[in-house]
Amino acid sequence: WIASTAAVVVEMKSFSSKVVPYKGITLEWSTGNESENLGFDVLRSTNKEGQYIRINEQMVPKSESHQYSYADVLAEAGKRYFYKIEDISRGGFRTQHGPVEAQLELPKKYSLAQNYPNPFNPATTIRFEMPKAEHVQIQVFNIRGELVRTLVDRTVEAGYHSILWDSVDNYGFKIASGIYYYRIISGDFKMVKKMAFIK
């Protein structure tokens, strides 16, 4: 008789996905018993039967609450993904659970959101949505209508995008306190919004 190393026994109670624009796809799972479990890896594929690749940089450690979540912030809009959770035992055994399916839908229209925070100092985030790939120009102007900073001037893929403005102009100088306007132009879509920088 030869004693064998005990494999991990993880009782998966639930495993689901939640899609949040700008935040990607969040996976949530809960467990019952976790005998000999060290933690979990998150695996992703674009095909249900295809090759699953680990996407977490570090193992998701075992939690006493038995509640887990992982955000796939690199998930691209318009693509369908399949996810599996793989538990890892102290003896090196791995067991997969799933898959669950998720898709971040493409935006249905062009949109430019209000920057946040607003007022801001020293930086602010500007979000915009693109229903298709197109050239995008986002520029910041002062109250005199003078160009302060070009933030985007390139072709942008369809999806949800965010950019960070560090309150610096095109010449690398810090801007003065005051009201500024930011404008997006993409094909026939144009929109302008107001923001305030306070020192």
Protein backbone atom coordinates (compact mmCIF):
# COMPACT_ATOMS: atom_id res chain seq x y z
CA TRP A 1 0.00 0.00 0.00
CA ILE A 2 1.36 3.40 -1.05
CA ALA A 3 -0.06 6.59 0.41
CA SER A 4 -1.06 9.14 -2.22
CA THR A 5 -0.92 12.90 -1.86
CA ALA A 6 -4.41 14.31 -1.34
CA ALA A 7 -5.72 16.30 -4.27
CA VAL A 8 -7.47 19.60 -3.69
CA VAL A 9 -11.18 19.37 -3.06
CA VAL A 10 -12.97 22.63 -3.80
CA GLU A 11 -16.74 22.79 -3.71
CA MET A 12 -17.75 25.50 -6.20
CA LYS A 13 -21.09 26.99 -5.10
CA SER A 14 -21.41 29.72 -7.73
CA PHE A 15 -19.44 31.12 -10.67
CA SER A 16 -20.74 34.06 -12.71
CA SER A 17 -19.66 37.04 -14.80
CA LYS A 18 -20.69 40.69 -14.73
CA VAL A 19 -20.04 43.16 -17.57
CA VAL A 20 -19.34 46.79 -16.69
CA PRO A 21 -18.36 49.33 -19.40
CA TYR A 22 -14.93 50.92 -18.75
CA LYS A 23 -14.23 48.27 -16.09
CA GLY A 24 -14.25 45.18 -18.32
CA ILE A 25 -15.63 41.83 -17.20
CA THR A 26 -15.77 40.93 -13.51
CA LEU A 27 -15.83 37.27 -12.49
CA GLU A 28 -17.35 36.32 -9.15
CA TRP A 29 -17.31 32.92 -7.49
CA SER A 30 -18.01 31.42 -4.09
CA THR A 31 -16.95 28.11 -2.59
CA GLY A 32 -17.91 25.72 0.16
CA ASN A 33 -15.21 23.33 1.30
CA GLU A 34 -11.65 24.18 0.20
CA SER A 35 -9.59 21.27 1.50
CA GLU A 36 -5.85 21.74 0.81
CA ASN A 37 -6.53 24.72 -1.46
CA LEU A 38 -3.85 27.40 -1.95
CA GLY A 39 -5.75 29.65 -4.33
CA PHE A 40 -6.99 30.11 -7.88
CA ASP A 41 -5.89 31.00 -11.39
CA VAL A 42 -8.22 32.65 -13.90
CA LEU A 43 -8.21 31.18 -17.42
CA ARG A 44 -9.65 32.78 -20.56
CA SER A 45 -10.39 31.69 -24.12
CA THR A 46 -12.26 33.09 -27.11
CA ASN A 47 -13.55 29.59 -27.89
CA LYS A 48 -15.52 27.41 -25.46
CA GLU A 49 -13.57 24.30 -26.45
CA GLY A 50 -10.38 26.16 -27.28
CA GLN A 51 -7.14 26.75 -25.44
CA TYR A 52 -7.52 28.56 -22.12
CA ILE A 53 -4.75 30.96 -21.11
CA ARG A 54 -4.06 32.19 -17.57
CA ILE A 55 -4.69 35.94 -17.36
CA ASN A 56 -3.97 36.71 -13.68
CA GLU A 57 -0.41 37.81 -12.90
CA GLN A 58 -0.57 36.51 -9.33
CA MET A 59 -2.56 33.65 -7.87
CA VAL A 60 -5.87 34.69 -6.27
CA PRO A 61 -5.19 33.62 -2.65
CA LYS A 62 -7.52 31.51 -0.56
CA SER A 63 -10.05 33.61 1.35
CA GLU A 64 -11.66 32.75 4.67
CA SER A 65 -14.90 34.33 3.42
CA HIS A 66 -15.02 31.90 0.45
CA GLN A 67 -16.06 34.87 -1.74
CA TYR A 68 -13.89 35.81 -4.72
CA SER A 69 -13.81 38.25 -7.60
CA TYR A 70 -11.43 39.05 -10.45
CA ALA A 71 -11.70 41.90 -12.99
CA ASP A 72 -10.56 41.29 -16.56
CA VAL A 73 -9.87 44.94 -17.38
CA LEU A 74 -8.26 44.04 -20.73
CA ALA A 75 -11.43 42.48 -22.16
CA GLU A 76 -12.22 44.13 -25.50
CA ALA A 77 -15.69 45.33 -26.46
CA GLY A 78 -17.39 43.22 -29.12
CA LYS A 79 -15.47 40.04 -28.29
CA ARG A 80 -16.99 36.93 -26.69
CA TYR A 81 -14.94 35.32 -23.92
CA PHE A 82 -15.08 32.09 -21.95
CA TYR A 83 -13.61 31.84 -18.46
CA LYS A 84 -12.58 29.00 -16.17
CA ILE A 85 -11.41 29.06 -12.57
CA GLU A 86 -8.57 26.67 -11.70
CA ASP A 87 -7.92 25.77 -8.07
CA ILE A 88 -4.41 24.84 -6.96
CA SER A 89 -3.67 22.38 -4.14
CA ARG A 90 -0.69 22.29 -1.81
CA GLY A 91 0.39 19.13 -3.63
CA GLY A 92 0.35 20.85 -7.01
CA PHE A 93 -2.96 19.41 -8.24
CA ARG A 94 -5.11 21.66 -10.44
CA THR A 95 -8.85 21.37 -11.05
CA GLN A 96 -10.82 23.54 -13.46
CA HIS A 97 -14.36 24.88 -12.98
CA GLY A 98 -16.59 26.42 -15.63
CA PRO A 99 -16.65 27.82 -18.19
CA VAL A 100 -18.83 30.91 -17.97
CA GLU A 101 -19.42 33.12 -20.99
CA ALA A 102 -19.33 36.92 -21.18
CA GLN A 103 -19.29 39.64 -23.80
CA LEU A 104 -18.82 43.37 -23.44
CA GLU A 105 -21.17 44.77 -26.07
CA LEU A 106 -20.00 47.52 -28.40
CA PRO A 107 -21.38 51.00 -27.69
CA LYS A 108 -24.48 51.80 -29.76
CA LYS A 109 -23.58 55.46 -30.27
CA TYR A 110 -20.81 58.03 -29.93
CA SER A 111 -20.56 59.59 -26.50
CA LEU A 112 -18.35 61.98 -24.53
CA ALA A 113 -18.74 61.81 -20.74
CA GLN A 114 -18.20 64.55 -18.20
CA ASN A 115 -14.64 64.47 -16.90
CA TYR A 116 -14.04 63.32 -13.34
CA PRO A 117 -13.11 64.60 -10.91
CA ASN A 118 -14.42 68.03 -11.79
CA PRO A 119 -13.18 70.49 -10.58
CA PHE A 120 -9.79 68.77 -10.64
CA ASN A 121 -6.19 69.05 -9.50
CA PRO A 122 -3.76 67.71 -10.56
CA ALA A 123 -5.35 65.30 -13.08
CA THR A 124 -8.71 64.32 -14.53
CA THR A 125 -10.10 61.44 -16.59
CA ILE A 126 -12.09 61.85 -19.81
CA ARG A 127 -14.16 58.92 -21.11
CA PHE A 128 -15.63 58.43 -24.55
CA GLU A 129 -17.43 55.68 -26.49
CA MET A 130 -16.97 54.62 -30.11
CA PRO A 131 -19.45 52.33 -31.95
CA LYS A 132 -16.87 51.76 -34.71
CA ALA A 133 -13.18 52.36 -35.38
CA GLU A 134 -12.59 55.91 -36.57
CA HIS A 135 -10.19 58.83 -36.37
CA VAL A 136 -10.69 60.72 -33.12
CA GLN A 137 -9.47 64.14 -32.07
CA ILE A 138 -9.86 65.32 -28.47
CA GLN A 139 -8.54 68.79 -27.66
CA VAL A 140 -8.63 71.16 -24.69
CA PHE A 141 -9.20 74.92 -25.11
CA ASN A 142 -9.12 77.87 -22.70
CA ILE A 143 -12.00 80.35 -22.34
CA ARG A 144 -10.46 82.47 -25.14
CA GLY A 145 -10.77 79.55 -27.54
CA GLU A 146 -7.01 78.98 -27.71
CA LEU A 147 -5.76 75.41 -28.03
CA VAL A 148 -4.16 74.22 -24.78
CA ARG A 149 -3.60 70.51 -25.28
CA THR A 150 -4.26 67.82 -27.91
CA LEU A 151 -5.02 64.61 -26.00
CA VAL A 152 -5.96 62.30 -28.87
CA ASP A 153 -5.37 62.61 -32.62
CA ARG A 154 -5.41 59.10 -34.10
CA THR A 155 -7.59 56.22 -35.20
CA VAL A 156 -9.30 54.62 -32.20
CA GLU A 157 -10.88 51.17 -32.09
CA ALA A 158 -14.55 50.69 -31.32
CA GLY A 159 -15.26 50.38 -27.61
CA TYR A 160 -14.99 52.23 -24.32
CA HIS A 161 -11.98 54.48 -23.83
CA SER A 162 -10.59 56.71 -21.09
CA ILE A 163 -7.67 59.14 -21.11
CA LEU A 164 -5.95 60.95 -18.26
CA TRP A 165 -5.06 64.64 -18.57
CA ASP A 166 -2.34 65.78 -16.18
CA SER A 167 -3.22 69.52 -16.46
CA VAL A 168 -0.16 70.18 -18.65
CA ASP A 169 -0.33 72.05 -21.97
CA ASN A 170 1.23 71.09 -25.32
CA TYR A 171 4.51 72.72 -24.28
CA GLY A 172 4.83 70.85 -20.98
CA PHE A 173 3.78 73.73 -18.75
CA LYS A 174 1.22 73.52 -15.94
CA ILE A 175 -2.02 75.30 -16.81
CA ALA A 176 -3.46 78.19 -14.81
CA SER A 177 -6.56 77.86 -12.66
CA GLY A 178 -9.79 78.45 -14.54
CA ILE A 179 -12.46 77.11 -16.87
CA TYR A 180 -11.48 74.93 -19.83
CA TYR A 181 -13.39 73.21 -22.62
CA TYR A 182 -12.69 69.81 -24.12
CA ARG A 183 -13.97 68.81 -27.56
CA ILE A 184 -14.25 65.54 -29.40
CA ILE A 185 -14.46 65.27 -33.20
CA SER A 186 -14.96 61.88 -34.85
CA GLY A 187 -16.50 61.83 -38.31
CA ASP A 188 -19.80 63.73 -38.04
CA PHE A 189 -19.84 63.49 -34.25
CA LYS A 190 -18.82 66.60 -32.33
CA MET A 191 -19.32 67.45 -28.67
CA VAL A 192 -17.92 70.02 -26.23
CA LYS A 193 -17.95 69.92 -22.42
CA LYS A 194 -16.71 72.28 -19.72
CA MET A 195 -14.33 71.56 -16.83
CA ALA A 196 -12.58 73.52 -14.11
CA PHE A 197 -8.98 73.37 -12.89
CA ILE A 198 -8.42 74.68 -9.37
CA LYS A 199 -5.04 75.11 -7.72
